[in-house]
C-alpha cells in the first residue's frame, strides 16, 4: 500500500476547509458576515435618509417650480449607484469567499450542492437561498429606502422615478450577469489560503484582492475601475483635510456638494466607499493569526477575522486627538465689528443700505429677517426664506433685505446665503456689483 498524503500545512479558510463538518458555515449569518461592508453602508444610508426629518424637506424642494432638473436626476443616480454597488460587492465577496466558479458553465446551485456534498437537501436549499438572496436584498433594500423616503416627502413623481430605475437596473443586471458571469482564470488555491503570521498576512493582500476582483461580476476592469476611483477620491479627500485650498477654491468636497445636491452627496460617497471596505474585509477575513504562547491568558489563541471596522472606529476616534482634521481659515477680528465704540451706528448702516439698494425711492421698504435655531432644518429654512425674498426683489421699488439676525442652526443658512452674495473683495469706489447690490 502506498503512502497517503498528509493534510496541507496551511488550510483554506472556512467553510470549505473542513469538509462536511463545516457545511453549517454557509448560512444567513455567514453570508451577512461576508457581505458586512455593503450591508453596513446600506444600514447607514437608511439611518441617514430615514431618521432626519429635514430629508423630506430636501426631497420636496427638488420639486419646486423653477428648480433645475439636473440635481433631481443626480440624486436618483446616486441612489441607484448605491443600490448597484451594494449588490455588486456583496456578490463579489460571496463568490470569492465560497469559491463559486461559474466559468465552466455550471450554475451556482450545482456548485453549492457539490460544496455541500453529504448535507441534507433542506440544508442545501437554505444555503442556496442565503447565498442568492443576500446581494439581491441589498439592491432592493436601497430601492425600497428610496421609495419610502420619497413617499414620506409626498414627492410622488420621484417615487415613480425610483420604481423605474430599480426595475430597469435589475433587468440590466440580470442580463449582463448572464452574459459575463465571473472570470476566475489564474486564481490559485494558495491565493485564498488563510495567513497565520503577520508576514503571511501582508503577502496575502494582493492575491486576495486579485481573487475578489476575478470573482466579481462582469470583466475585471470594471472592479478595478470602481476601486481605483474610490481610492483616488479617498486620497484626495484625505489631503484636503490637511491642506487649505487657495482663497476662492471650491475643493473636492465643495465640488461634490455643488454637483450632488442635498443627500445625493452622501449617497454617492457611500456608494464608492463600499468597494474599498469590501476589499478590506475580504483581505482581513483571510487572516488567522495565532497568538504567541507566552502571552498571558490568550497565549496560543487563534484570532479569526481581525476586527477591521473596530480598528477603523478607533482610528477615527483617536487620530483627531493628535491631528486637526478640520482645517479652517481664521479671519482676524476687525475692531469696527468687535468693538462697540468703533462700530457704525444703525443710522449710518441704514443710510449706506439706502444708497446701495433703495436710491431715489420715495418709500423705502427694508426687510429684516430673523432666523431661529433648530440644527440643519432651521438652516435650510433660513436659506430658503432669504432666497425667496431676494427673488421677489426684482427692481428698485421692491423690498430688499436690510438686516439678518440669526442664531444656531439658522446661522448656517444665513452664512451660506451671505457667502454667495457678499463679494470676496470690495468693489471700486462708487460702484455696486451684482453680488453686493442688495447688501450694504
Protein backbone atom coordinates (compact mmCIF):
# COMPACT_ATOMS: atom_id res chain seq x y z
CA UNK A 1 0.00 0.00 0.00
CA UNK A 2 1.41 3.41 -0.97
CA UNK A 3 1.83 6.31 1.38
CA UNK A 4 -1.23 8.53 1.83
CA UNK A 5 -0.70 12.31 1.53
CA UNK A 6 -0.94 14.16 4.78
CA UNK A 7 -3.01 17.28 5.47
CA UNK A 8 -1.78 20.56 3.99
CA UNK A 9 0.39 22.75 6.17
CA UNK A 10 -1.89 25.77 5.72
CA UNK A 11 -5.56 25.09 5.18
CA UNK A 12 -8.16 27.09 3.32
CA UNK A 13 -10.38 29.37 5.36
CA UNK A 14 -13.87 28.11 6.31
CA UNK A 15 -16.34 26.99 5.15
CA UNK A 16 -14.71 24.64 2.65
CA UNK A 17 -11.53 23.64 4.53
CA UNK A 18 -13.14 21.19 6.90
CA UNK A 19 -15.32 19.02 4.70
CA UNK A 20 -18.89 18.15 5.59
CA UNK A 21 -18.42 19.12 9.22
CA UNK A 22 -18.25 22.79 8.17
CA UNK A 23 -21.34 22.74 5.96
CA UNK A 24 -23.20 24.75 8.55
CA UNK A 25 -20.95 27.73 7.69
CA UNK A 26 -22.99 28.58 4.58
CA UNK A 27 -25.88 30.16 6.47
CA UNK A 28 -27.59 33.51 6.62
CA UNK A 29 -25.21 34.58 9.37
CA UNK A 30 -22.11 33.63 7.38
CA UNK A 31 -23.35 35.43 4.25
CA UNK A 32 -24.17 38.55 6.27
CA UNK A 33 -20.70 38.46 7.81
CA UNK A 34 -19.09 38.08 4.41
CA UNK A 35 -21.14 40.98 2.98
CA UNK A 36 -20.93 43.09 6.13
CA UNK A 37 -19.31 46.04 4.35
CA UNK A 38 -22.14 46.69 1.83
CA UNK A 39 -24.69 45.70 4.47
CA UNK A 40 -23.24 48.23 6.93
CA UNK A 41 -23.24 51.03 4.34
CA UNK A 42 -26.87 50.34 3.41
CA UNK A 43 -27.83 50.46 7.09
CA UNK A 44 -26.03 53.81 7.47
CA UNK A 45 -27.82 55.14 4.40
CA UNK A 46 -31.16 54.01 5.83
CA UNK A 47 -30.43 55.81 9.10
CA UNK A 48 -29.26 58.97 7.31
CA UNK A 49 -32.24 59.12 4.96
CA UNK A 50 -34.92 57.72 7.22
CA UNK A 51 -34.43 59.46 10.56
CA UNK A 52 -33.69 63.20 9.94
CA UNK A 53 -36.98 64.99 9.18
CA UNK A 54 -35.19 67.58 7.02
CA UNK A 55 -34.58 64.94 4.33
CA UNK A 56 -38.25 65.17 3.43
CA UNK A 57 -37.87 68.94 3.07
CA UNK A 58 -34.86 68.47 0.78
CA UNK A 59 -36.68 65.99 -1.45
CA UNK A 60 -39.77 68.17 -1.62
CA UNK A 61 -37.56 71.14 -2.53
CA UNK A 62 -36.36 69.37 -5.66
CA UNK A 63 -39.94 69.52 -7.00
CA UNK A 64 -40.31 73.30 -6.51
CA UNK A 65 -41.24 75.21 -9.64
CA UNK A 66 -38.32 76.91 -11.27
CA UNK A 67 -35.76 74.48 -9.86
CA UNK A 68 -33.38 72.89 -12.40
CA UNK A 69 -33.91 69.24 -13.24
CA UNK A 70 -30.30 68.01 -13.06
CA UNK A 71 -29.96 67.99 -9.22
CA UNK A 72 -33.02 65.71 -9.05
CA UNK A 73 -31.63 63.37 -11.70
CA UNK A 74 -28.23 63.21 -9.97
CA UNK A 75 -29.94 62.42 -6.66
CA UNK A 76 -31.56 59.35 -8.16
CA UNK A 77 -28.35 58.46 -9.99
CA UNK A 78 -26.55 58.44 -6.62
CA UNK A 79 -29.29 56.31 -5.07
CA UNK A 80 -29.22 53.86 -7.99
CA UNK A 81 -25.41 53.72 -7.84
CA UNK A 82 -25.61 52.86 -4.15
CA UNK A 83 -28.00 50.00 -4.92
CA UNK A 84 -25.78 48.71 -7.73
CA UNK A 85 -22.61 48.99 -5.63
CA UNK A 86 -24.18 47.16 -2.68
CA UNK A 87 -25.31 44.29 -4.94
CA UNK A 88 -22.04 44.18 -6.89
CA UNK A 89 -19.62 43.99 -3.98
CA UNK A 90 -21.82 41.68 -1.89
CA UNK A 91 -21.95 39.26 -4.80
CA UNK A 92 -18.20 39.55 -5.40
CA UNK A 93 -17.38 38.89 -1.74
CA UNK A 94 -19.72 35.89 -1.52
CA UNK A 95 -18.47 34.28 -4.73
CA UNK A 96 -14.85 34.76 -3.67
CA UNK A 97 -15.42 33.73 -0.05
CA UNK A 98 -17.17 30.48 -1.01
CA UNK A 99 -15.21 29.97 -4.27
CA UNK A 100 -18.21 29.75 -6.61
CA UNK A 101 -16.67 29.49 -10.08
CA UNK A 102 -19.21 29.61 -12.92
CA UNK A 103 -16.60 29.92 -15.66
CA UNK A 104 -17.03 26.26 -16.65
CA UNK A 105 -20.76 26.67 -17.30
CA UNK A 106 -22.09 25.14 -14.09
CA UNK A 107 -24.75 27.05 -12.16
CA UNK A 108 -24.14 28.31 -8.65
CA UNK A 109 -26.87 25.97 -7.39
CA UNK A 110 -24.98 22.96 -8.72
CA UNK A 111 -21.70 24.28 -7.34
CA UNK A 112 -23.21 24.81 -3.89
CA UNK A 113 -24.59 21.28 -3.96
CA UNK A 114 -21.09 19.99 -4.74
CA UNK A 115 -19.59 22.09 -1.95
CA UNK A 116 -22.17 20.72 0.48
CA UNK A 117 -21.82 17.10 -0.58
CA UNK A 118 -23.25 14.88 2.13
CA UNK A 119 -25.58 17.52 3.57
CA UNK A 120 -29.34 17.15 3.58
CA UNK A 121 -31.44 18.61 0.78
CA UNK A 122 -33.00 21.04 3.22
CA UNK A 123 -29.56 22.33 4.26
CA UNK A 124 -28.53 22.76 0.64
CA UNK A 125 -31.74 24.65 -0.11
CA UNK A 126 -31.25 27.02 2.83
CA UNK A 127 -27.65 27.60 1.77
CA UNK A 128 -28.72 28.44 -1.77
CA UNK A 129 -31.32 30.90 -0.52
CA UNK A 130 -28.84 32.62 1.80
CA UNK A 131 -26.24 32.83 -0.96
CA UNK A 132 -28.59 34.04 -3.70
CA UNK A 133 -30.80 36.43 -1.79
CA UNK A 134 -28.25 38.44 0.22
CA UNK A 135 -26.95 40.55 -2.72
CA UNK A 136 -30.43 40.86 -4.21
CA UNK A 137 -31.94 42.00 -0.95
CA UNK A 138 -29.28 44.70 -0.61
CA UNK A 139 -30.16 46.07 -4.04
CA UNK A 140 -33.88 46.06 -3.33
CA UNK A 141 -33.32 47.42 0.19
CA UNK A 142 -31.83 50.59 -1.31
CA UNK A 143 -34.67 50.81 -3.83
CA UNK A 144 -37.22 50.36 -1.03
CA UNK A 145 -35.44 53.01 1.01
CA UNK A 146 -35.74 55.46 -1.88
CA UNK A 147 -39.41 54.63 -2.33
CA UNK A 148 -40.14 55.13 1.37
CA UNK A 149 -38.39 58.49 1.76
CA UNK A 150 -39.90 59.91 -1.44
CA UNK A 151 -43.38 58.75 -0.45
CA UNK A 152 -42.95 60.21 3.03
CA UNK A 153 -41.99 63.54 1.47
CA UNK A 154 -45.04 63.44 -0.79
CA UNK A 155 -42.77 63.55 -3.85
CA UNK A 156 -44.77 61.07 -5.91
CA UNK A 157 -43.01 61.96 -9.13
CA UNK A 158 -39.72 60.93 -7.53
CA UNK A 159 -41.40 57.78 -6.21
CA UNK A 160 -42.15 56.79 -9.80
CA UNK A 161 -38.53 57.53 -10.76
CA UNK A 162 -37.33 55.15 -8.03
CA UNK A 163 -39.62 52.40 -9.28
CA UNK A 164 -38.45 52.89 -12.87
CA UNK A 165 -34.68 52.88 -12.19
CA UNK A 166 -34.93 49.93 -9.77
CA UNK A 167 -36.82 47.72 -12.25
CA UNK A 168 -34.72 48.75 -15.26
CA UNK A 169 -31.49 48.46 -13.28
CA UNK A 170 -32.33 44.98 -12.06
CA UNK A 171 -33.22 43.77 -15.55
CA UNK A 172 -29.95 45.12 -16.92
CA UNK A 173 -28.02 43.44 -14.11
CA UNK A 174 -29.65 40.10 -14.75
CA UNK A 175 -29.00 40.22 -18.49
CA UNK A 176 -25.38 41.35 -18.21
CA UNK A 177 -24.51 38.85 -15.48
CA UNK A 178 -25.80 36.01 -17.62
CA UNK A 179 -23.53 37.19 -20.44
CA UNK A 180 -20.35 37.75 -18.43
CA UNK A 181 -20.53 35.90 -15.09
CA UNK A 182 -17.17 35.88 -13.32
CA UNK A 183 -13.68 35.17 -14.63
CA UNK A 184 -11.61 33.13 -12.19
CA UNK A 185 -8.82 32.07 -14.56
CA UNK A 186 -5.43 32.47 -12.96
CA UNK A 187 -6.61 32.14 -9.36
CA UNK A 188 -4.57 29.58 -7.46
CA UNK A 189 -5.83 27.70 -4.40
CA UNK A 190 -3.00 29.29 -2.45
CA UNK A 191 -4.41 32.76 -3.18
CA UNK A 192 -7.32 32.08 -0.81
CA UNK A 193 -5.45 30.23 1.89
CA UNK A 194 -5.51 31.63 5.39
CA UNK A 195 -2.49 33.57 6.65
CA UNK A 196 -1.32 32.55 10.11
CA UNK A 197 1.54 35.06 10.50
CA UNK A 198 1.93 38.79 10.03
CA UNK A 199 4.32 38.22 7.14
CA UNK A 200 1.83 35.87 5.52
CA UNK A 201 -0.95 38.41 6.04
CA UNK A 202 0.99 41.11 4.17
CA UNK A 203 1.89 38.69 1.38
CA UNK A 204 -1.76 37.65 1.01
CA UNK A 205 -3.10 41.18 0.39
CA UNK A 206 -2.57 41.30 -3.38
CA UNK A 207 -3.57 37.66 -4.09
CA UNK A 208 -6.82 38.01 -2.14
CA UNK A 209 -7.57 41.37 -3.73
CA UNK A 210 -6.99 39.85 -7.16
CA UNK A 211 -9.26 36.93 -6.28
CA UNK A 212 -12.02 39.30 -5.16
CA UNK A 213 -11.81 41.18 -8.46
CA UNK A 214 -11.79 37.96 -10.51
CA UNK A 215 -14.88 36.61 -8.73
CA UNK A 216 -16.74 39.92 -9.17
CA UNK A 217 -19.41 40.18 -11.89
CA UNK A 218 -18.50 41.50 -15.33
CA UNK A 219 -14.93 41.89 -16.67
CA UNK A 220 -12.08 42.53 -14.22
CA UNK A 221 -11.57 46.08 -15.41
CA UNK A 222 -14.98 47.05 -14.01
CA UNK A 223 -13.99 46.11 -10.45
CA UNK A 224 -10.54 47.70 -10.81
CA UNK A 225 -12.15 50.91 -12.08
CA UNK A 226 -14.56 51.02 -9.12
CA UNK A 227 -11.73 50.50 -6.65
CA UNK A 228 -9.43 52.97 -8.41
CA UNK A 229 -11.94 55.82 -8.48
CA UNK A 230 -12.90 55.21 -4.85
CA UNK A 231 -9.27 55.25 -3.68
CA UNK A 232 -8.50 58.41 -5.65
CA UNK A 233 -11.45 60.15 -4.01
CA UNK A 234 -10.33 58.89 -0.61
CA UNK A 235 -6.75 60.11 -1.08
CA UNK A 236 -7.88 63.48 -2.45
CA UNK A 237 -10.27 63.93 0.48
CA UNK A 238 -7.57 62.96 2.98
CA UNK A 239 -5.17 65.51 1.53
CA UNK A 240 -7.86 68.17 1.52
CA UNK A 241 -8.48 67.72 5.25
CA UNK A 242 -4.84 68.55 5.93
CA UNK A 243 -4.33 71.41 3.46
CA UNK A 244 -6.23 74.55 2.58
CA UNK A 245 -7.30 75.49 -0.92
CA UNK A 246 -6.44 79.00 -2.10
CA UNK A 247 -9.00 81.69 -1.43
CA UNK A 248 -12.00 81.13 -3.66
CA UNK A 249 -11.14 77.46 -4.33
CA UNK A 250 -14.09 75.13 -4.07
CA UNK A 251 -12.16 71.94 -3.29
CA UNK A 252 -13.24 68.32 -3.73
CA UNK A 253 -15.92 68.42 -1.03
CA UNK A 254 -17.26 71.68 -2.42
CA UNK A 255 -17.48 70.32 -5.95
CA UNK A 256 -19.21 67.13 -4.79
CA UNK A 257 -21.73 69.17 -2.78
CA UNK A 258 -22.25 71.51 -5.74
CA UNK A 259 -22.84 68.71 -8.27
CA UNK A 260 -24.73 66.31 -5.99
CA UNK A 261 -27.18 68.45 -4.07
CA UNK A 262 -28.66 67.58 -0.68
CA UNK A 263 -28.42 63.92 0.40
CA UNK A 264 -27.05 62.92 -3.03
CA UNK A 265 -23.52 63.93 -1.96
CA UNK A 266 -23.52 61.49 0.96
CA UNK A 267 -25.14 58.74 -1.14
CA UNK A 268 -22.56 58.88 -3.94
CA UNK A 269 -19.69 58.85 -1.43
CA UNK A 270 -21.21 55.84 0.34
CA UNK A 271 -21.61 54.04 -2.98
CA UNK A 272 -17.94 54.46 -3.84
CA UNK A 273 -16.83 53.57 -0.30
CA UNK A 274 -18.42 50.09 -0.45
CA UNK A 275 -15.70 48.77 -2.78
CA UNK A 276 -12.63 49.53 -0.63
CA UNK A 277 -14.46 48.48 2.54
CA UNK A 278 -15.42 45.16 0.96
CA UNK A 279 -11.84 44.61 -0.19
CA UNK A 280 -10.54 45.41 3.29
CA UNK A 281 -12.96 42.99 4.96
CA UNK A 282 -12.24 40.24 2.43
CA UNK A 283 -8.49 40.58 2.94
CA UNK A 284 -8.88 40.60 6.72
CA UNK A 285 -11.13 37.53 6.57
CA UNK A 286 -8.15 35.55 5.27
CA UNK A 287 -6.08 36.19 8.37
CA UNK A 288 -5.93 33.52 11.10
CA UNK A 289 -3.28 34.87 13.42
CA UNK A 290 -2.06 32.57 16.14
CA UNK A 291 -1.04 34.47 19.24
CA UNK A 292 2.34 33.64 20.82
CA UNK A 293 2.19 31.04 23.56
CA UNK A 294 3.99 33.30 26.04
CA UNK A 295 1.12 35.83 26.14
CA UNK A 296 -0.84 35.60 29.42
CA UNK A 297 -4.42 34.30 29.24
CA UNK A 298 -4.65 34.42 25.42
CA UNK A 299 -1.40 32.63 24.53
CA UNK A 300 -1.91 30.10 21.72
CA UNK A 301 -5.30 31.50 20.71
CA UNK A 302 -6.15 31.94 17.03
CA UNK A 303 -7.75 35.21 16.01
CA UNK A 304 -10.10 34.72 13.05
CA UNK A 305 -11.28 37.80 11.22
CA UNK A 306 -9.47 40.67 12.96
CA UNK A 307 -11.99 43.44 13.73
CA UNK A 308 -11.43 45.72 10.74
CA UNK A 309 -14.37 48.01 11.45
CA UNK A 310 -13.48 48.28 15.13
CA UNK A 311 -9.97 49.32 14.16
CA UNK A 312 -11.37 51.94 11.77
CA UNK A 313 -13.58 53.34 14.53
CA UNK A 314 -10.58 53.52 16.85
CA UNK A 315 -8.51 55.30 14.21
CA UNK A 316 -11.28 57.81 13.55
CA UNK A 317 -11.69 58.37 17.29
CA UNK A 318 -8.00 58.60 18.25
CA UNK A 319 -6.39 60.42 15.30
CA UNK A 320 -8.27 63.73 15.86
CA UNK A 321 -6.76 63.86 19.36
CA UNK A 322 -3.31 64.31 17.83
CA UNK A 323 -4.11 65.81 14.41
CA UNK A 324 -6.52 68.57 13.49
CA UNK A 325 -8.60 67.13 10.65
CA UNK A 326 -10.79 70.21 10.18
CA UNK A 327 -8.58 72.97 8.83
CA UNK A 328 -10.32 76.34 8.65
CA UNK A 329 -9.37 79.85 7.69
CA UNK A 330 -9.25 82.18 10.67
CA UNK A 331 -10.32 85.75 9.97
CA UNK A 332 -8.60 88.38 12.04
CA UNK A 333 -11.16 90.31 14.11
CA UNK A 334 -11.83 93.85 12.95
CA UNK A 335 -12.24 96.48 15.67
CA UNK A 336 -15.06 98.04 13.67
CA UNK A 337 -17.05 94.84 14.17
CA UNK A 338 -15.95 93.66 17.60
CA UNK A 339 -15.56 96.96 19.45
CA UNK A 340 -18.96 98.59 20.16
CA UNK A 341 -17.32 102.01 20.43
CA UNK A 342 -15.94 101.76 16.88
CA UNK A 343 -18.94 100.06 15.31
CA UNK A 344 -21.06 102.02 12.83
CA UNK A 345 -24.36 103.18 14.20
CA UNK A 346 -27.65 101.80 12.93
CA UNK A 347 -28.35 105.15 11.25
CA UNK A 348 -25.06 105.01 9.34
CA UNK A 349 -25.68 101.41 8.26
CA UNK A 350 -29.21 102.23 7.12
CA UNK A 351 -28.03 105.26 5.16
CA UNK A 352 -25.42 103.16 3.37
CA UNK A 353 -28.02 100.48 2.59
CA UNK A 354 -30.46 103.04 1.16
CA UNK A 355 -27.70 104.44 -1.04
CA UNK A 356 -26.94 100.97 -2.45
CA UNK A 357 -30.39 99.35 -2.57
CA UNK A 358 -33.13 102.00 -2.42
CA UNK A 359 -31.69 105.09 -4.01
CA UNK A 360 -34.14 107.64 -5.44
CA UNK A 361 -37.11 105.89 -3.79
CA UNK A 362 -39.77 107.92 -2.07
CA UNK A 363 -40.80 104.95 0.07
CA UNK A 364 -38.11 102.68 1.48
CA UNK A 365 -39.12 99.08 2.18
CA UNK A 366 -36.38 97.31 4.13
CA UNK A 367 -36.79 93.66 5.12
CA UNK A 368 -35.37 92.33 8.37
CA UNK A 369 -35.11 88.52 8.62
CA UNK A 370 -34.80 86.74 11.96
CA UNK A 371 -33.71 83.09 11.78
CA UNK A 372 -34.12 80.92 14.86
CA UNK A 373 -32.15 77.84 15.86
CA UNK A 374 -33.00 74.24 15.06
CA UNK A 375 -30.00 72.47 13.55
CA UNK A 376 -29.85 71.90 9.79
CA UNK A 377 -33.61 72.13 9.35
CA UNK A 378 -33.56 75.72 10.60
CA UNK A 379 -30.57 76.41 8.36
CA UNK A 380 -32.40 75.11 5.31
CA UNK A 381 -35.48 77.13 6.15
CA UNK A 382 -33.44 80.32 6.66
CA UNK A 383 -31.68 79.85 3.31
CA UNK A 384 -34.99 79.24 1.52
CA UNK A 385 -36.60 82.34 3.06
CA UNK A 386 -33.64 84.57 2.20
CA UNK A 387 -33.52 83.21 -1.35
CA UNK A 388 -37.25 83.75 -1.91
CA UNK A 389 -37.13 87.28 -0.52
CA UNK A 390 -34.23 88.02 -2.81
CA UNK A 391 -36.02 86.52 -5.85
CA UNK A 392 -39.02 88.77 -5.16
CA UNK A 393 -36.74 91.84 -5.19
CA UNK A 394 -36.87 92.31 -8.93
CA UNK A 395 -36.43 96.10 -9.12
CA UNK A 396 -35.61 99.17 -7.04
CA UNK A 397 -39.24 99.51 -5.93
CA UNK A 398 -39.28 96.02 -4.42
CA UNK A 399 -38.43 95.33 -0.77
CA UNK A 400 -34.80 94.40 -0.17
CA UNK A 401 -33.09 92.67 2.72
CA UNK A 402 -31.58 95.19 5.10
CA UNK A 403 -30.50 93.02 8.03
CA UNK A 404 -30.45 89.41 9.16
CA UNK A 405 -30.40 88.24 12.75
CA UNK A 406 -29.73 84.54 13.28
CA UNK A 407 -28.70 82.06 15.94
CA UNK A 408 -27.52 78.44 15.98
CA UNK A 409 -28.88 76.40 13.06
CA UNK A 410 -30.42 79.45 11.41
CA UNK A 411 -26.94 80.93 11.13
CA UNK A 412 -25.90 78.05 8.86
CA UNK A 413 -28.42 79.02 6.18
CA UNK A 414 -27.66 82.70 6.67
CA UNK A 415 -23.93 82.13 6.28
CA UNK A 416 -24.48 80.10 3.12
CA UNK A 417 -26.66 82.81 1.62
CA UNK A 418 -24.18 85.55 2.54
CA UNK A 419 -21.26 83.55 1.15
CA UNK A 420 -22.94 83.56 -2.27
CA UNK A 421 -23.79 87.26 -2.32
CA UNK A 422 -21.03 89.07 -0.44
CA UNK A 423 -18.05 89.73 -2.75
CA UNK A 424 -14.62 88.37 -1.85
CA UNK A 425 -13.16 91.88 -2.24
CA UNK A 426 -14.77 95.33 -2.03
CA UNK A 427 -15.96 96.85 -5.35
CA UNK A 428 -14.44 100.02 -6.77
CA UNK A 429 -15.49 103.23 -5.11
CA UNK A 430 -18.92 104.40 -6.15
CA UNK A 431 -19.82 101.16 -7.94
CA UNK A 432 -22.05 98.26 -6.91
CA UNK A 433 -21.53 94.79 -8.36
CA UNK A 434 -24.42 92.33 -8.95
CA UNK A 435 -23.22 90.29 -5.97
CA UNK A 436 -23.25 93.15 -3.46
CA UNK A 437 -26.02 95.32 -4.82
CA UNK A 438 -28.59 94.29 -2.24
CA UNK A 439 -26.24 94.04 0.72
CA UNK A 440 -24.89 97.34 2.00
